[in-house]
Amino acid sequence: MENAERPQNNYHDLDEEVLFHVSQTFKALGDPTRIRILHLLSNRECSVNEIAETLGLKQSTVSHQLRLLKSLRLVKYRREGTTLFYSHDDSHVVTMLEETINHVLHRY
């Protein structure tokens, strides 16, 4: 059979770096506090203080979680004076979170 006649297989193996980053992302999304923060940031941009107040968390807890989420490129920030405002990094983050929430809600 010639190459043109063979069905295209879009599967490709994932290299170790990609596997590592995917697993780290799922680990990050395995924490209820981080899920709550991401869910909030999927709806609006917030400062650390706003996140802490809205979710009833300590500012230090929020800062710690945001550092991890930022390192995984799940959130980003912009500076306005001395205040940092956080938001989701891109639409992939929101889609991933919404799809997971919808999957869970579908069972109920």
PDB file of N, CA and C in Angstrom:
ATOM      1  N   MET A   1       0.850  -1.176   0.000  1.00  0.00           N
ATOM      2  CA  MET A   1       0.000   0.000   0.000  1.00  0.00           C
ATOM      3  C   MET A   1       0.897   1.240   0.000  1.00  0.00           C
ATOM      4  N   GLU A   2       0.598   2.178  -0.833  1.00  0.00           N
ATOM      5  CA  GLU A   2       1.393   3.403  -0.885  1.00  0.00           C
ATOM      6  C   GLU A   2       1.043   4.303   0.288  1.00  0.00           C
ATOM      7  N   ASN A   3       1.969   5.207   0.632  1.00  0.00           N
ATOM      8  CA  ASN A   3       1.749   6.123   1.748  1.00  0.00           C
ATOM      9  C   ASN A   3       0.471   6.930   1.589  1.00  0.00           C
ATOM     10  N   ALA A   4       0.144   7.353   0.386  1.00  0.00           N
ATOM     11  CA  ALA A   4      -1.042   8.172   0.151  1.00  0.00           C
ATOM     12  C   ALA A   4      -2.320   7.410   0.462  1.00  0.00           C
ATOM     13  N   GLU A   5      -2.273   6.068   0.391  1.00  0.00           N
ATOM     14  CA  GLU A   5      -3.469   5.261   0.608  1.00  0.00           C
ATOM     15  C   GLU A   5      -3.651   4.870   2.072  1.00  0.00           C
ATOM     16  N   ARG A   6      -2.617   4.998   2.870  1.00  0.00           N
ATOM     17  CA  ARG A   6      -2.708   4.616   4.280  1.00  0.00           C
ATOM     18  C   ARG A   6      -3.476   5.672   5.068  1.00  0.00           C
ATOM     19  N   PRO A   7      -4.305   5.225   6.000  1.00  0.00           N
ATOM     20  CA  PRO A   7      -4.989   6.202   6.854  1.00  0.00           C
ATOM     21  C   PRO A   7      -3.962   6.971   7.685  1.00  0.00           C
ATOM     22  N   GLN A   8      -4.207   8.236   7.858  1.00  0.00           N
ATOM     23  CA  GLN A   8      -3.298   9.070   8.637  1.00  0.00           C
ATOM     24  C   GLN A   8      -3.473   8.773  10.118  1.00  0.00           C
ATOM     25  N   ASN A   9      -2.377   8.587  10.789  1.00  0.00           N
ATOM     26  CA  ASN A   9      -2.386   8.366  12.223  1.00  0.00           C
ATOM     27  C   ASN A   9      -1.828   9.631  12.866  1.00  0.00           C
ATOM     28  N   ASN A  10      -2.661  10.364  13.562  1.00  0.00           N
ATOM     29  CA  ASN A  10      -2.242  11.630  14.169  1.00  0.00           C
ATOM     30  C   ASN A  10      -1.593  11.441  15.534  1.00  0.00           C
ATOM     31  N   TYR A  11      -1.493  10.213  15.991  1.00  0.00           N
ATOM     32  CA  TYR A  11      -0.883   9.948  17.284  1.00  0.00           C
ATOM     33  C   TYR A  11       0.614  10.191  17.204  1.00  0.00           C
ATOM     34  N   HIS A  12       1.139  10.843  18.218  1.00  0.00           N
ATOM     35  CA  HIS A  12       2.585  10.966  18.359  1.00  0.00           C
ATOM     36  C   HIS A  12       2.929  10.798  19.831  1.00  0.00           C
ATOM     37  N   ASP A  13       4.038  10.153  20.074  1.00  0.00           N
ATOM     38  CA  ASP A  13       4.472   9.920  21.438  1.00  0.00           C
ATOM     39  C   ASP A  13       4.869  11.242  22.088  1.00  0.00           C
ATOM     40  N   LEU A  14       4.646  11.357  23.370  1.00  0.00           N
ATOM     41  CA  LEU A  14       4.983  12.577  24.095  1.00  0.00           C
ATOM     42  C   LEU A  14       6.383  12.441  24.673  1.00  0.00           C
ATOM     43  N   ASP A  15       7.172  13.484  24.507  1.00  0.00           N
ATOM     44  CA  ASP A  15       8.522  13.406  25.072  1.00  0.00           C
ATOM     45  C   ASP A  15       8.467  13.644  26.584  1.00  0.00           C
ATOM     46  N   GLU A  16       9.563  13.360  27.250  1.00  0.00           N
ATOM     47  CA  GLU A  16       9.617  13.406  28.714  1.00  0.00           C
ATOM     48  C   GLU A  16       9.284  14.793  29.269  1.00  0.00           C
ATOM     49  N   GLU A  17       9.727  15.834  28.612  1.00  0.00           N
ATOM     50  CA  GLU A  17       9.454  17.192  29.093  1.00  0.00           C
ATOM     51  C   GLU A  17       7.963  17.509  29.044  1.00  0.00           C
ATOM     52  N   VAL A  18       7.313  17.147  27.946  1.00  0.00           N
ATOM     53  CA  VAL A  18       5.868  17.373  27.828  1.00  0.00           C
ATOM     54  C   VAL A  18       5.131  16.560  28.876  1.00  0.00           C
ATOM     55  N   LEU A  19       5.486  15.290  29.042  1.00  0.00           N
ATOM     56  CA  LEU A  19       4.847  14.452  30.056  1.00  0.00           C
ATOM     57  C   LEU A  19       4.992  15.051  31.447  1.00  0.00           C
ATOM     58  N   PHE A  20       6.168  15.559  31.745  1.00  0.00           N
ATOM     59  CA  PHE A  20       6.412  16.163  33.053  1.00  0.00           C
ATOM     60  C   PHE A  20       5.494  17.368  33.266  1.00  0.00           C
ATOM     61  N   HIS A  21       5.417  18.251  32.288  1.00  0.00           N
ATOM     62  CA  HIS A  21       4.603  19.464  32.440  1.00  0.00           C
ATOM     63  C   HIS A  21       3.107  19.145  32.502  1.00  0.00           C
ATOM     64  N   VAL A  22       2.659  18.167  31.741  1.00  0.00           N
ATOM     65  CA  VAL A  22       1.256  17.758  31.813  1.00  0.00           C
ATOM     66  C   VAL A  22       0.948  17.196  33.195  1.00  0.00           C
ATOM     67  N   SER A  23       1.824  16.353  33.713  1.00  0.00           N
ATOM     68  CA  SER A  23       1.575  15.775  35.041  1.00  0.00           C
ATOM     69  C   SER A  23       1.603  16.847  36.129  1.00  0.00           C
ATOM     70  N   GLN A  24       2.499  17.828  36.010  1.00  0.00           N
ATOM     71  CA  GLN A  24       2.550  18.924  36.985  1.00  0.00           C
ATOM     72  C   GLN A  24       1.265  19.758  36.932  1.00  0.00           C
ATOM     73  N   THR A  25       0.731  19.953  35.741  1.00  0.00           N
ATOM     74  CA  THR A  25      -0.518  20.703  35.596  1.00  0.00           C
ATOM     75  C   THR A  25      -1.657  19.969  36.280  1.00  0.00           C
ATOM     76  N   PHE A  26      -1.746  18.663  36.054  1.00  0.00           N
ATOM     77  CA  PHE A  26      -2.807  17.890  36.710  1.00  0.00           C
ATOM     78  C   PHE A  26      -2.619  17.850  38.223  1.00  0.00           C
ATOM     79  N   LYS A  27      -1.389  17.800  38.693  1.00  0.00           N
ATOM     80  CA  LYS A  27      -1.136  17.868  40.136  1.00  0.00           C
ATOM     81  C   LYS A  27      -1.641  19.191  40.690  1.00  0.00           C
ATOM     82  N   ALA A  28      -1.356  20.275  39.983  1.00  0.00           N
ATOM     83  CA  ALA A  28      -1.805  21.600  40.431  1.00  0.00           C
ATOM     84  C   ALA A  28      -3.318  21.663  40.491  1.00  0.00           C
ATOM     85  N   LEU A  29      -3.974  21.054  39.524  1.00  0.00           N
ATOM     86  CA  LEU A  29      -5.433  21.064  39.491  1.00  0.00           C
ATOM     87  C   LEU A  29      -6.045  20.052  40.451  1.00  0.00           C
ATOM     88  N   GLY A  30      -5.199  19.289  41.135  1.00  0.00           N
ATOM     89  CA  GLY A  30      -5.672  18.317  42.112  1.00  0.00           C
ATOM     90  C   GLY A  30      -5.865  18.894  43.502  1.00  0.00           C
ATOM     91  N   ASP A  31      -5.657  20.189  43.652  1.00  0.00           N
ATOM     92  CA  ASP A  31      -5.773  20.834  44.955  1.00  0.00           C
ATOM     93  C   ASP A  31      -7.014  21.727  44.983  1.00  0.00           C
ATOM     94  N   PRO A  32      -7.933  21.517  45.937  1.00  0.00           N
ATOM     95  CA  PRO A  32      -9.169  22.305  45.986  1.00  0.00           C
ATOM     96  C   PRO A  32      -8.942  23.823  46.073  1.00  0.00           C
ATOM     97  N   THR A  33      -7.928  24.252  46.821  1.00  0.00           N
ATOM     98  CA  THR A  33      -7.665  25.694  46.940  1.00  0.00           C
ATOM     99  C   THR A  33      -7.259  26.273  45.594  1.00  0.00           C
ATOM    100  N   ARG A  34      -6.400  25.583  44.877  1.00  0.00           N
ATOM    101  CA  ARG A  34      -5.973  26.081  43.573  1.00  0.00           C
ATOM    102  C   ARG A  34      -7.124  26.075  42.579  1.00  0.00           C
ATOM    103  N   ILE A  35      -7.993  25.071  42.654  1.00  0.00           N
ATOM    104  CA  ILE A  35      -9.172  25.035  41.783  1.00  0.00           C
ATOM    105  C   ILE A  35     -10.058  26.242  42.071  1.00  0.00           C
ATOM    106  N   ARG A  36     -10.273  26.545  43.333  1.00  0.00           N
ATOM    107  CA  ARG A  36     -11.107  27.699  43.698  1.00  0.00           C
ATOM    108  C   ARG A  36     -10.503  28.994  43.166  1.00  0.00           C
ATOM    109  N   ILE A  37      -9.187  29.133  43.302  1.00  0.00           N
ATOM    110  CA  ILE A  37      -8.512  30.336  42.808  1.00  0.00           C
ATOM    111  C   ILE A  37      -8.647  30.436  41.298  1.00  0.00           C
ATOM    112  N   LEU A  38      -8.369  29.353  40.590  1.00  0.00           N
ATOM    113  CA  LEU A  38      -8.484  29.368  39.129  1.00  0.00           C
ATOM    114  C   LEU A  38      -9.910  29.644  38.676  1.00  0.00           C
ATOM    115  N   HIS A  39     -10.871  29.062  39.380  1.00  0.00           N
ATOM    116  CA  HIS A  39     -12.271  29.301  39.021  1.00  0.00           C
ATOM    117  C   HIS A  39     -12.621  30.783  39.167  1.00  0.00           C
ATOM    118  N   LEU A  40     -12.191  31.378  40.260  1.00  0.00           N
ATOM    119  CA  LEU A  40     -12.420  32.810  40.463  1.00  0.00           C
ATOM    120  C   LEU A  40     -11.754  33.617  39.357  1.00  0.00           C
ATOM    121  N   LEU A  41     -10.504  33.297  39.051  1.00  0.00           N
ATOM    122  CA  LEU A  41      -9.756  34.046  38.037  1.00  0.00           C
ATOM    123  C   LEU A  41     -10.247  33.774  36.620  1.00  0.00           C
ATOM    124  N   SER A  42     -11.004  32.730  36.427  1.00  0.00           N
ATOM    125  CA  SER A  42     -11.587  32.488  35.106  1.00  0.00           C
ATOM    126  C   SER A  42     -12.755  33.433  34.851  1.00  0.00           C
ATOM    127  N   ASN A  43     -13.260  34.028  35.934  1.00  0.00           N
ATOM    128  CA  ASN A  43     -14.390  34.952  35.819  1.00  0.00           C
ATOM    129  C   ASN A  43     -13.990  36.419  35.878  1.00  0.00           C
ATOM    130  N   ARG A  44     -12.881  36.695  36.579  1.00  0.00           N
ATOM    131  CA  ARG A  44     -12.456  38.092  36.697  1.00  0.00           C
ATOM    132  C   ARG A  44     -11.018  38.186  37.186  1.00  0.00           C
ATOM    133  N   GLU A  45     -10.420  39.307  36.900  1.00  0.00           N
ATOM    134  CA  GLU A  45      -9.070  39.610  37.362  1.00  0.00           C
ATOM    135  C   GLU A  45      -9.153  40.059  38.826  1.00  0.00           C
ATOM    136  N   CYS A  46      -8.203  39.619  39.644  1.00  0.00           N
ATOM    137  CA  CYS A  46      -8.229  39.951  41.072  1.00  0.00           C
ATOM    138  C   CYS A  46      -6.825  40.179  41.606  1.00  0.00           C
ATOM    139  N   SER A  47      -6.754  41.006  42.639  1.00  0.00           N
ATOM    140  CA  SER A  47      -5.507  41.146  43.390  1.00  0.00           C
ATOM    141  C   SER A  47      -5.445  40.012  44.419  1.00  0.00           C
ATOM    142  N   VAL A  48      -4.290  39.842  45.021  1.00  0.00           N
ATOM    143  CA  VAL A  48      -4.129  38.818  46.062  1.00  0.00           C
ATOM    144  C   VAL A  48      -5.133  39.063  47.189  1.00  0.00           C
ATOM    145  N   ASN A  49      -5.263  40.324  47.601  1.00  0.00           N
ATOM    146  CA  ASN A  49      -6.204  40.648  48.680  1.00  0.00           C
ATOM    147  C   ASN A  49      -7.642  40.309  48.302  1.00  0.00           C
ATOM    148  N   GLU A  50      -8.028  40.604  47.062  1.00  0.00           N
ATOM    149  CA  GLU A  50      -9.390  40.282  46.612  1.00  0.00           C
ATOM    150  C   GLU A  50      -9.631  38.775  46.621  1.00  0.00           C
ATOM    151  N   ILE A  51      -8.640  38.021  46.162  1.00  0.00           N
ATOM    152  CA  ILE A  51      -8.770  36.562  46.152  1.00  0.00           C
ATOM    153  C   ILE A  51      -8.919  36.048  47.582  1.00  0.00           C
ATOM    154  N   ALA A  52      -8.053  36.524  48.471  1.00  0.00           N
ATOM    155  CA  ALA A  52      -8.089  36.087  49.871  1.00  0.00           C
ATOM    156  C   ALA A  52      -9.436  36.411  50.509  1.00  0.00           C
ATOM    157  N   GLU A  53      -9.916  37.623  50.295  1.00  0.00           N
ATOM    158  CA  GLU A  53     -11.197  38.033  50.887  1.00  0.00           C
ATOM    159  C   GLU A  53     -12.362  37.253  50.295  1.00  0.00           C
ATOM    160  N   THR A  54     -12.404  37.119  48.986  1.00  0.00           N
ATOM    161  CA  THR A  54     -13.517  36.425  48.322  1.00  0.00           C
ATOM    162  C   THR A  54     -13.590  34.962  48.721  1.00  0.00           C
ATOM    163  N   LEU A  55     -12.431  34.312  48.814  1.00  0.00           N
ATOM    164  CA  LEU A  55     -12.404  32.873  49.100  1.00  0.00           C
ATOM    165  C   LEU A  55     -12.204  32.542  50.574  1.00  0.00           C
ATOM    166  N   GLY A  56     -12.044  33.569  51.418  1.00  0.00           N
ATOM    167  CA  GLY A  56     -11.858  33.332  52.845  1.00  0.00           C
ATOM    168  C   GLY A  56     -10.545  32.639  53.165  1.00  0.00           C
ATOM    169  N   LEU A  57      -9.482  33.054  52.466  1.00  0.00           N
ATOM    170  CA  LEU A  57      -8.162  32.459  52.662  1.00  0.00           C
ATOM    171  C   LEU A  57      -7.200  33.496  53.207  1.00  0.00           C
ATOM    172  N   LYS A  58      -6.110  33.022  53.784  1.00  0.00           N
ATOM    173  CA  LYS A  58      -5.047  33.924  54.229  1.00  0.00           C
ATOM    174  C   LYS A  58      -4.293  34.432  53.003  1.00  0.00           C
ATOM    175  N   GLN A  59      -3.831  35.671  53.081  1.00  0.00           N
ATOM    176  CA  GLN A  59      -3.077  36.258  51.980  1.00  0.00           C
ATOM    177  C   GLN A  59      -1.826  35.437  51.660  1.00  0.00           C
ATOM    178  N   SER A  60      -1.160  34.923  52.687  1.00  0.00           N
ATOM    179  CA  SER A  60       0.050  34.121  52.465  1.00  0.00           C
ATOM    180  C   SER A  60      -0.273  32.829  51.720  1.00  0.00           C
ATOM    181  N   THR A  61      -1.420  32.233  52.013  1.00  0.00           N
ATOM    182  CA  THR A  61      -1.849  31.022  51.314  1.00  0.00           C
ATOM    183  C   THR A  61      -2.087  31.315  49.841  1.00  0.00           C
ATOM    184  N   VAL A  62      -2.783  32.413  49.576  1.00  0.00           N
ATOM    185  CA  VAL A  62      -3.079  32.806  48.200  1.00  0.00           C
ATOM    186  C   VAL A  62      -1.781  33.078  47.437  1.00  0.00           C
ATOM    187  N   SER A  63      -0.873  33.822  48.051  1.00  0.00           N
ATOM    188  CA  SER A  63       0.401  34.144  47.397  1.00  0.00           C
ATOM    189  C   SER A  63       1.178  32.876  47.064  1.00  0.00           C
ATOM    190  N   HIS A  64       1.206  31.945  47.997  1.00  0.00           N
ATOM    191  CA  HIS A  64       1.915  30.680  47.771  1.00  0.00           C
ATOM    192  C   HIS A  64       1.298  29.919  46.591  1.00  0.00           C
ATOM    193  N   GLN A  65      -0.012  29.819  46.573  1.00  0.00           N
ATOM    194  CA  GLN A  65      -0.690  29.082  45.499  1.00  0.00           C
ATOM    195  C   GLN A  65      -0.521  29.786  44.152  1.00  0.00           C
ATOM    196  N   LEU A  66      -0.580  31.105  44.149  1.00  0.00           N
ATOM    197  CA  LEU A  66      -0.406  31.857  42.901  1.00  0.00           C
ATOM    198  C   LEU A  66       0.998  31.676  42.333  1.00  0.00           C
ATOM    199  N   ARG A  67       1.990  31.602  43.199  1.00  0.00           N
ATOM    200  CA  ARG A  67       3.361  31.371  42.740  1.00  0.00           C
ATOM    201  C   ARG A  67       3.456  30.063  41.964  1.00  0.00           C
ATOM    202  N   LEU A  68       2.848  29.014  42.516  1.00  0.00           N
ATOM    203  CA  LEU A  68       2.857  27.716  41.845  1.00  0.00           C
ATOM    204  C   LEU A  68       2.082  27.777  40.527  1.00  0.00           C
ATOM    205  N   LEU A  69       0.903  28.363  40.554  1.00  0.00           N
ATOM    206  CA  LEU A  69       0.083  28.453  39.346  1.00  0.00           C
ATOM    207  C   LEU A  69       0.777  29.273  38.263  1.00  0.00           C
ATOM    208  N   LYS A  70       1.481  30.310  38.677  1.00  0.00           N
ATOM    209  CA  LYS A  70       2.215  31.141  37.718  1.00  0.00           C
ATOM    210  C   LYS A  70       3.374  30.355  37.108  1.00  0.00           C
ATOM    211  N   SER A  71       4.069  29.579  37.918  1.00  0.00           N
ATOM    212  CA  SER A  71       5.205  28.805  37.414  1.00  0.00           C
ATOM    213  C   SER A  71       4.763  27.775  36.372  1.00  0.00           C
ATOM    214  N   LEU A  72       3.520  27.343  36.443  1.00  0.00           N
ATOM    215  CA  LEU A  72       2.969  26.386  35.485  1.00  0.00           C
ATOM    216  C   LEU A  72       2.231  27.081  34.339  1.00  0.00           C
ATOM    217  N   ARG A  73       2.293  28.403  34.321  1.00  0.00           N
ATOM    218  CA  ARG A  73       1.633  29.225  33.302  1.00  0.00           C
ATOM    219  C   ARG A  73       0.123  29.024  33.273  1.00  0.00           C
ATOM    220  N   LEU A  74      -0.461  28.814  34.453  1.00  0.00           N
ATOM    221  CA  LEU A  74      -1.909  28.713  34.563  1.00  0.00           C
ATOM    222  C   LEU A  74      -2.519  30.066  34.901  1.00  0.00           C
ATOM    223  N   VAL A  75      -1.721  30.941  35.520  1.00  0.00           N
ATOM    224  CA  VAL A  75      -2.152  32.319  35.779  1.00  0.00           C
ATOM    225  C   VAL A  75      -1.042  33.268  35.343  1.00  0.00           C
ATOM    226  N   LYS A  76      -1.430  34.506  35.143  1.00  0.00           N
ATOM    227  CA  LYS A  76      -0.473  35.568  34.830  1.00  0.00           C
ATOM    228  C   LYS A  76      -0.877  36.786  35.647  1.00  0.00           C
ATOM    229  N   TYR A  77      -0.031  37.797  35.651  1.00  0.00           N
ATOM    230  CA  TYR A  77      -0.359  39.004  36.393  1.00  0.00           C
ATOM    231  C   TYR A  77       0.056  40.235  35.614  1.00  0.00           C
ATOM    232  N   ARG A  78      -0.543  41.329  36.030  1.00  0.00           N
ATOM    233  CA  ARG A  78      -0.130  42.651  35.538  1.00  0.00           C
ATOM    234  C   ARG A  78       0.007  43.541  36.757  1.00  0.00           C
ATOM    235  N   ARG A  79       0.917  44.479  36.672  1.00  0.00           N
ATOM    236  CA  ARG A  79       1.177  45.384  37.786  1.00  0.00           C
ATOM    237  C   ARG A  79       0.486  46.714  37.531  1.00  0.00           C
ATOM    238  N   GLU A  80      -0.160  47.205  38.571  1.00  0.00           N
ATOM    239  CA  GLU A  80      -0.746  48.554  38.545  1.00  0.00           C
ATOM    240  C   GLU A  80      -0.271  49.243  39.822  1.00  0.00           C
ATOM    241  N   GLY A  81       0.734  50.096  39.684  1.00  0.00           N
ATOM    242  CA  GLY A  81       1.367  50.690  40.864  1.00  0.00           C
ATOM    243  C   GLY A  81       2.083  49.605  41.639  1.00  0.00           C
ATOM    244  N   THR A  82       1.693  49.449  42.900  1.00  0.00           N
ATOM    245  CA  THR A  82       2.310  48.401  43.726  1.00  0.00           C
ATOM    246  C   THR A  82       1.448  47.140  43.813  1.00  0.00           C
ATOM    247  N   THR A  83       0.304  47.151  43.141  1.00  0.00           N
ATOM    248  CA  THR A  83      -0.625  46.026  43.218  1.00  0.00           C
ATOM    249  C   THR A  83      -0.496  45.138  41.989  1.00  0.00           C
ATOM    250  N   LEU A  84      -0.483  43.826  42.234  1.00  0.00           N
ATOM    251  CA  LEU A  84      -0.489  42.845  41.155  1.00  0.00           C
ATOM    252  C   LEU A  84      -1.908  42.325  40.978  1.00  0.00           C
ATOM    253  N   PHE A  85      -2.367  42.303  39.735  1.00  0.00           N
ATOM    254  CA  PHE A  85      -3.681  41.761  39.416  1.00  0.00           C
ATOM    255  C   PHE A  85      -3.499  40.475  38.625  1.00  0.00           C
ATOM    256  N   TYR A  86      -4.106  39.402  39.117  1.00  0.00           N
ATOM    257  CA  TYR A  86      -3.951  38.083  38.515  1.00  0.00           C
ATOM    258  C   TYR A  86      -5.165  37.731  37.669  1.00  0.00           C
ATOM    259  N   SER A  87      -4.904  36.956  36.623  1.00  0.00           N
ATOM    260  CA  SER A  87      -5.964  36.429  35.763  1.00  0.00           C
ATOM    261  C   SER A  87      -5.497  35.076  35.232  1.00  0.00           C
ATOM    262  N   HIS A  88      -6.406  34.352  34.587  1.00  0.00           N
ATOM    263  CA  HIS A  88      -5.999  33.087  33.976  1.00  0.00           C
ATOM    264  C   HIS A  88      -5.034  33.396  32.836  1.00  0.00           C
ATOM    265  N   ASP A  89      -4.141  32.471  32.552  1.00  0.00           N
ATOM    266  CA  ASP A  89      -3.096  32.738  31.556  1.00  0.00           C
ATOM    267  C   ASP A  89      -3.636  32.773  30.139  1.00  0.00           C
ATOM    268  N   ASP A  90      -4.513  31.841  29.789  1.00  0.00           N
ATOM    269  CA  ASP A  90      -5.109  31.849  28.454  1.00  0.00           C
ATOM    270  C   ASP A  90      -6.387  31.022  28.464  1.00  0.00           C
ATOM    271  N   SER A  91      -7.066  30.985  27.334  1.00  0.00           N
ATOM    272  CA  SER A  91      -8.360  30.305  27.268  1.00  0.00           C
ATOM    273  C   SER A  91      -8.247  28.795  27.478  1.00  0.00           C
ATOM    274  N   HIS A  92      -7.061  28.213  27.229  1.00  0.00           N
ATOM    275  CA  HIS A  92      -6.888  26.780  27.474  1.00  0.00           C
ATOM    276  C   HIS A  92      -7.126  26.451  28.945  1.00  0.00           C
ATOM    277  N   VAL A  93      -6.657  27.333  29.818  1.00  0.00           N
ATOM    278  CA  VAL A  93      -6.815  27.125  31.261  1.00  0.00           C
ATOM    279  C   VAL A  93      -8.298  27.101  31.622  1.00  0.00           C
ATOM    280  N   VAL A  94      -9.040  28.077  31.131  1.00  0.00           N
ATOM    281  CA  VAL A  94     -10.471  28.171  31.432  1.00  0.00           C
ATOM    282  C   VAL A  94     -11.216  26.977  30.841  1.00  0.00           C
ATOM    283  N   THR A  95     -10.891  26.619  29.612  1.00  0.00           N
ATOM    284  CA  THR A  95     -11.547  25.482  28.966  1.00  0.00           C
ATOM    285  C   THR A  95     -11.307  24.202  29.745  1.00  0.00           C
ATOM    286  N   MET A  96     -10.062  23.974  30.150  1.00  0.00           N
ATOM    287  CA  MET A  96      -9.712  22.780  30.904  1.00  0.00           C
ATOM    288  C   MET A  96     -10.513  22.730  32.213  1.00  0.00           C
ATOM    289  N   LEU A  97     -10.574  23.831  32.914  1.00  0.00           N
ATOM    290  CA  LEU A  97     -11.296  23.893  34.180  1.00  0.00           C
ATOM    291  C   LEU A  97     -12.797  23.702  33.964  1.00  0.00           C
ATOM    292  N   GLU A  98     -13.374  24.416  33.002  1.00  0.00           N
ATOM    293  CA  GLU A  98     -14.812  24.312  32.740  1.00  0.00           C
ATOM    294  C   GLU A  98     -15.199  22.905  32.306  1.00  0.00           C
ATOM    295  N   GLU A  99     -14.399  22.293  31.438  1.00  0.00           N
ATOM    296  CA  GLU A  99     -14.703  20.940  30.980  1.00  0.00           C
ATOM    297  C   GLU A  99     -14.657  19.934  32.130  1.00  0.00           C
ATOM    298  N   THR A 100     -13.713  20.106  33.028  1.00  0.00           N
ATOM    299  CA  THR A 100     -13.610  19.203  34.178  1.00  0.00           C
ATOM    300  C   THR A 100     -14.801  19.393  35.109  1.00  0.00           C
ATOM    301  N   ILE A 101     -15.173  20.637  35.364  1.00  0.00           N
ATOM    302  CA  ILE A 101     -16.342  20.920  36.203  1.00  0.00           C
ATOM    303  C   ILE A 101     -17.596  20.345  35.556  1.00  0.00           C
ATOM    304  N   ASN A 102     -17.770  20.568  34.250  1.00  0.00           N
ATOM    305  CA  ASN A 102     -18.937  20.024  33.543  1.00  0.00           C
ATOM    306  C   ASN A 102     -18.964  18.503  33.584  1.00  0.00           C
ATOM    307  N   HIS A 103     -17.810  17.872  33.479  1.00  0.00           N
ATOM    308  CA  HIS A 103     -17.729  16.414  33.555  1.00  0.00           C
ATOM    309  C   HIS A 103     -18.248  15.925  34.910  1.00  0.00           C
ATOM    310  N   VAL A 104     -17.807  16.581  35.971  1.00  0.00           N
ATOM    311  CA  VAL A 104     -18.237  16.183  37.315  1.00  0.00           C
ATOM    312  C   VAL A 104     -19.732  16.455  37.513  1.00  0.00           C
ATOM    313  N   LEU A 105     -20.199  17.625  37.085  1.00  0.00           N
ATOM    314  CA  LEU A 105     -21.612  17.983  37.246  1.00  0.00           C
ATOM    315  C   LEU A 105     -22.510  17.083  36.411  1.00  0.00           C
ATOM    316  N   HIS A 106     -22.011  16.553  35.318  1.00  0.00           N
ATOM    317  CA  HIS A 106     -22.799  15.686  34.439  1.00  0.00           C
ATOM    318  C   HIS A 106     -23.243  14.429  35.170  1.00  0.00           C
ATOM    319  N   ARG A 107     -22.480  14.002  36.152  1.00  0.00           N
ATOM    320  CA  ARG A 107     -22.808  12.790  36.899  1.00  0.00           C
ATOM    321  C   ARG A 107     -23.935  13.002  37.904  1.00  0.00           C
ATOM    322  N   TYR A 108     -24.236  14.254  38.228  1.00  0.00           N
ATOM    323  CA  TYR A 108     -25.251  14.517  39.260  1.00  0.00           C
ATOM    324  C   TYR A 108     -26.584  14.864  38.686  1.00  0.00           C
TER     325      TYR A 108
END
